[in-house]
């Protein structure tokens, strides 16, 4: 009998989130799983790691019959601890999510969900971050779970290139309402930031970050277009942020005088 792949599961919404419960259910169909997830929500942490405080790791009974741990740190901390302290080897696949809310376009830069997947790519592990475009507490993750198992199985069968992970976003809706998947590029869309300034009972000012997410990118090959038209977007994502096309131009500058 062929050995089942080992799948490391994490997220940024915390181990009690509905999205990771669905991801556990979906991954159990295709491999042996280990869960290492934050003990509290860690959304918006990006690729942060914990260096000034001790990390706590505790066994969890959150998922019946599944080896699981909670970590006091960030999603990237969870990946590192899972690899180096628990299983002590690289798993066959790393999956992160399923996030409450979109990680399309430049949201990927802030996302703890996607940073966990990028960390997996850095470690040479085929990795995927999954996000559902629904922030509501009663979000339906069934369709997202279907695509998660489908895409994870495809990666295991096709050997994703090292150093690359997949950023998968799923529109809100029932499975039969979605049109399928599209391979896309990351859309150019940005937050127009603003702050809601308030005053606490002691007279001190504090701020809530608000703003609007807007896009001027009209391309029909973007994740934003795919999601707006009922498709699951799949963006191959890498951690090399070098603007390679500018290297030759910069070499022509006189930078040594």
Protein backbone atom coordinates (compact mmCIF):
# COMPACT_ATOMS: atom_id res chain seq x y z
CA UNK A 1 0.00 0.00 0.00
CA UNK A 2 1.35 3.43 -0.96
CA UNK A 3 2.31 5.68 1.91
CA UNK A 4 -0.05 8.61 2.40
CA UNK A 5 1.41 12.12 2.02
CA UNK A 6 1.98 14.08 5.21
CA UNK A 7 0.15 17.41 5.17
CA UNK A 8 0.94 20.26 7.58
CA UNK A 9 -2.08 22.54 8.19
CA UNK A 10 -2.02 26.03 9.68
CA UNK A 11 -3.92 29.33 9.43
CA UNK A 12 -4.01 32.89 10.77
CA UNK A 13 -7.57 32.96 12.15
CA UNK A 14 -6.68 30.64 15.03
CA UNK A 15 -7.23 26.96 15.70
CA UNK A 16 -10.92 27.37 16.59
CA UNK A 17 -11.84 29.06 13.28
CA UNK A 18 -14.40 27.43 10.98
CA UNK A 19 -12.07 27.66 8.00
CA UNK A 20 -9.35 25.45 9.43
CA UNK A 21 -11.96 22.90 10.53
CA UNK A 22 -13.07 22.63 6.90
CA UNK A 23 -9.46 22.39 5.72
CA UNK A 24 -8.79 19.55 8.16
CA UNK A 25 -11.87 17.73 6.85
CA UNK A 26 -10.79 18.22 3.23
CA UNK A 27 -7.15 17.16 3.76
CA UNK A 28 -8.11 14.02 5.70
CA UNK A 29 -9.41 12.62 2.41
CA UNK A 30 -5.96 12.73 0.78
CA UNK A 31 -3.28 12.33 3.43
CA UNK A 32 -2.10 12.10 7.02
CA UNK A 33 -2.36 15.48 8.68
CA UNK A 34 -0.72 17.50 11.42
CA UNK A 35 -2.18 20.81 12.59
CA UNK A 36 -0.09 23.61 14.10
CA UNK A 37 -2.14 26.80 14.37
CA UNK A 38 -2.14 30.02 16.40
CA UNK A 39 -3.95 29.96 19.73
CA UNK A 40 -5.62 33.28 18.84
CA UNK A 41 -6.37 35.26 15.66
CA UNK A 42 -3.23 36.50 13.89
CA UNK A 43 -4.71 38.17 10.82
CA UNK A 44 -2.61 40.86 9.16
CA UNK A 45 0.64 39.62 10.70
CA UNK A 46 2.29 39.12 7.33
CA UNK A 47 5.59 37.26 7.55
CA UNK A 48 6.24 38.24 11.17
CA UNK A 49 8.16 35.91 13.48
CA UNK A 50 8.45 36.02 17.26
CA UNK A 51 11.93 36.95 18.49
CA UNK A 52 11.45 38.99 21.70
CA UNK A 53 9.10 36.63 23.57
CA UNK A 54 9.13 32.89 24.25
CA UNK A 55 6.93 30.71 22.06
CA UNK A 56 4.47 28.36 23.74
CA UNK A 57 3.38 25.15 22.05
CA UNK A 58 0.54 23.06 23.46
CA UNK A 59 -1.27 19.89 22.41
CA UNK A 60 -4.84 20.48 21.28
CA UNK A 61 -7.92 18.27 21.15
CA UNK A 62 -9.69 20.61 18.75
CA UNK A 63 -10.04 17.96 16.03
CA UNK A 64 -11.05 14.44 17.00
CA UNK A 65 -8.44 11.86 16.05
CA UNK A 66 -6.05 14.48 14.63
CA UNK A 67 -2.64 15.39 16.04
CA UNK A 68 -2.88 19.12 16.63
CA UNK A 69 -1.02 21.87 18.48
CA UNK A 70 -1.61 25.50 19.31
CA UNK A 71 1.18 28.05 19.17
CA UNK A 72 1.35 31.41 20.93
CA UNK A 73 3.06 32.98 17.92
CA UNK A 74 2.38 33.90 14.32
CA UNK A 75 1.45 31.66 11.38
CA UNK A 76 5.11 31.59 10.26
CA UNK A 77 6.12 30.57 13.79
CA UNK A 78 3.63 27.71 13.49
CA UNK A 79 5.23 26.50 10.26
CA UNK A 80 8.74 26.66 11.69
CA UNK A 81 7.78 24.82 14.88
CA UNK A 82 5.85 22.20 12.92
CA UNK A 83 8.82 21.43 10.71
CA UNK A 84 11.69 21.67 13.16
CA UNK A 85 10.23 20.67 16.52
CA UNK A 86 7.27 18.37 15.91
CA UNK A 87 7.74 16.32 12.75
CA UNK A 88 11.45 17.20 12.36
CA UNK A 89 11.27 16.90 8.58
CA UNK A 90 9.62 18.59 5.67
CA UNK A 91 6.04 17.48 5.05
CA UNK A 92 4.86 16.57 1.57
CA UNK A 93 2.43 19.48 1.48
CA UNK A 94 1.62 22.58 3.51
CA UNK A 95 -1.84 24.15 3.40
CA UNK A 96 -2.91 27.36 5.13
CA UNK A 97 -6.43 28.67 5.76
CA UNK A 98 -9.19 28.60 4.91
CA UNK A 99 -9.07 32.33 5.61
CA UNK A 100 -12.14 34.43 6.40
CA UNK A 101 -11.83 37.10 3.70
CA UNK A 102 -9.93 37.80 0.51
CA UNK A 103 -6.18 37.59 0.07
CA UNK A 104 -6.27 38.63 -3.59
CA UNK A 105 -4.12 41.35 -5.15
CA UNK A 106 -1.87 43.23 -2.69
CA UNK A 107 -3.69 41.76 0.31
CA UNK A 108 -1.14 38.96 -0.07
CA UNK A 109 1.54 41.25 1.40
CA UNK A 110 -0.28 41.60 4.73
CA UNK A 111 -1.75 38.12 4.96
CA UNK A 112 -0.71 35.72 7.69
CA UNK A 113 -2.46 32.97 5.74
CA UNK A 114 -0.29 33.52 2.69
CA UNK A 115 2.88 34.18 4.66
CA UNK A 116 2.58 30.69 6.11
CA UNK A 117 2.37 29.33 2.55
CA UNK A 118 5.33 31.45 1.45
CA UNK A 119 7.33 30.13 4.41
CA UNK A 120 6.53 26.64 3.19
CA UNK A 121 7.85 27.60 -0.26
CA UNK A 122 11.05 28.95 1.32
CA UNK A 123 11.48 25.55 2.97
CA UNK A 124 11.02 23.80 -0.38
CA UNK A 125 7.57 22.43 0.52
CA UNK A 126 4.70 22.52 -2.00
CA UNK A 127 2.35 25.00 -0.32
CA UNK A 128 -1.07 26.58 -0.79
CA UNK A 129 -2.93 29.40 0.93
CA UNK A 130 -6.74 29.25 0.71
CA UNK A 131 -9.07 32.20 1.33
CA UNK A 132 -12.86 32.56 1.12
CA UNK A 133 -14.37 35.92 0.22
CA UNK A 134 -16.69 35.94 3.21
CA UNK A 135 -16.02 37.59 6.59
CA UNK A 136 -19.31 36.57 8.20
CA UNK A 137 -19.33 34.36 11.28
CA UNK A 138 -21.70 31.91 9.54
CA UNK A 139 -19.65 31.69 6.32
CA UNK A 140 -20.22 28.51 4.31
CA UNK A 141 -16.86 26.83 3.63
CA UNK A 142 -18.20 23.78 1.79
CA UNK A 143 -17.31 24.98 -1.73
CA UNK A 144 -13.92 26.22 -0.54
CA UNK A 145 -13.26 22.80 0.98
CA UNK A 146 -14.09 21.11 -2.33
CA UNK A 147 -11.59 23.23 -4.24
CA UNK A 148 -9.00 22.84 -1.47
CA UNK A 149 -8.96 19.06 -1.81
CA UNK A 150 -9.04 19.28 -5.61
CA UNK A 151 -6.08 21.69 -5.82
CA UNK A 152 -4.07 19.94 -3.10
CA UNK A 153 -4.45 16.63 -4.92
CA UNK A 154 -3.29 18.27 -8.17
CA UNK A 155 -0.15 19.65 -6.50
CA UNK A 156 0.72 16.26 -5.03
CA UNK A 157 0.28 14.67 -8.46
CA UNK A 158 2.20 17.29 -10.43
CA UNK A 159 5.12 18.40 -8.21
CA UNK A 160 4.88 22.19 -7.90
CA UNK A 161 8.17 23.96 -8.65
CA UNK A 162 10.28 24.65 -5.55
CA UNK A 163 10.18 28.20 -4.27
CA UNK A 164 6.61 28.75 -5.49
CA UNK A 165 3.30 28.49 -3.63
CA UNK A 166 -0.28 28.99 -4.76
CA UNK A 167 -2.55 31.80 -3.60
CA UNK A 168 -6.11 30.48 -3.98
CA UNK A 169 -9.15 32.69 -3.43
CA UNK A 170 -12.68 31.35 -3.56
CA UNK A 171 -15.77 33.51 -4.19
CA UNK A 172 -18.64 33.39 -1.75
CA UNK A 173 -21.38 31.03 -2.88
CA UNK A 174 -22.52 27.46 -3.30
CA UNK A 175 -20.38 25.01 -5.25
CA UNK A 176 -22.86 24.84 -8.13
CA UNK A 177 -22.75 28.65 -8.42
CA UNK A 178 -19.00 28.78 -9.07
CA UNK A 179 -17.66 28.51 -12.61
CA UNK A 180 -14.43 26.65 -11.85
CA UNK A 181 -10.82 27.78 -11.53
CA UNK A 182 -8.65 30.29 -13.39
CA UNK A 183 -4.88 30.64 -13.30
CA UNK A 184 -4.24 34.35 -12.85
CA UNK A 185 -1.72 37.04 -12.18
CA UNK A 186 -1.92 39.18 -9.04
CA UNK A 187 -4.10 42.19 -9.72
CA UNK A 188 -2.94 45.75 -9.04
CA UNK A 189 -5.34 46.84 -6.33
CA UNK A 190 -4.53 48.84 -3.22
CA UNK A 191 -5.95 50.01 0.06
CA UNK A 192 -6.79 53.71 0.25
CA UNK A 193 -6.02 53.95 3.95
CA UNK A 194 -7.74 56.16 6.47
CA UNK A 195 -8.03 56.14 10.25
CA UNK A 196 -11.03 56.49 12.51
CA UNK A 197 -9.78 58.62 15.41
CA UNK A 198 -11.56 58.10 18.73
CA UNK A 199 -11.11 59.06 22.37
CA UNK A 200 -11.04 56.61 25.26
CA UNK A 201 -12.76 57.24 28.65
CA UNK A 202 -9.49 58.67 30.02
CA UNK A 203 -9.19 61.29 27.28
CA UNK A 204 -6.53 59.51 25.27
CA UNK A 205 -6.72 59.28 21.51
CA UNK A 206 -6.73 55.95 19.67
CA UNK A 207 -7.18 54.90 16.08
CA UNK A 208 -8.91 52.19 14.02
CA UNK A 209 -7.46 51.52 10.58
CA UNK A 210 -10.17 51.75 7.93
CA UNK A 211 -10.18 52.48 4.20
CA UNK A 212 -11.37 51.25 0.83
CA UNK A 213 -9.87 48.62 -1.43
CA UNK A 214 -9.80 49.85 -5.01
CA UNK A 215 -8.44 48.63 -8.32
CA UNK A 216 -7.67 50.38 -11.59
CA UNK A 217 -6.39 47.16 -13.16
CA UNK A 218 -8.85 46.24 -15.90
CA UNK A 219 -7.00 43.13 -17.08
CA UNK A 220 -9.07 40.00 -17.56
CA UNK A 221 -6.15 37.83 -16.46
CA UNK A 222 -6.13 39.03 -12.84
CA UNK A 223 -7.33 37.40 -9.65
CA UNK A 224 -9.68 40.33 -9.09
CA UNK A 225 -11.38 39.78 -12.48
CA UNK A 226 -11.71 36.04 -11.92
CA UNK A 227 -13.30 36.48 -8.50
CA UNK A 228 -15.68 39.18 -9.75
CA UNK A 229 -16.85 36.76 -12.46
CA UNK A 230 -17.44 33.73 -10.26
CA UNK A 231 -14.16 31.87 -10.70
CA UNK A 232 -11.74 30.54 -8.10
CA UNK A 233 -8.49 32.44 -8.67
CA UNK A 234 -5.13 30.65 -8.50
CA UNK A 235 -2.00 32.84 -8.50
CA UNK A 236 1.47 31.23 -8.46
CA UNK A 237 3.37 33.25 -5.88
CA UNK A 238 7.07 33.44 -5.00
CA UNK A 239 9.17 35.03 -2.28
CA UNK A 240 11.80 36.46 -4.66
CA UNK A 241 10.80 40.15 -4.78
CA UNK A 242 13.67 41.20 -7.06
CA UNK A 243 12.62 43.48 -9.94
CA UNK A 244 14.75 41.49 -12.38
CA UNK A 245 13.83 43.65 -15.37
CA UNK A 246 15.52 46.68 -13.78
CA UNK A 247 18.91 45.11 -13.06
CA UNK A 248 20.41 45.94 -16.46
CA UNK A 249 19.05 49.50 -16.30
CA UNK A 250 20.47 50.11 -12.83
CA UNK A 251 23.84 48.75 -13.96
CA UNK A 252 23.98 51.64 -16.44
CA UNK A 253 23.71 54.24 -13.68
CA UNK A 254 26.92 55.88 -12.44
CA UNK A 255 26.69 54.84 -8.80
CA UNK A 256 30.37 54.83 -7.91
CA UNK A 257 31.15 58.56 -8.02
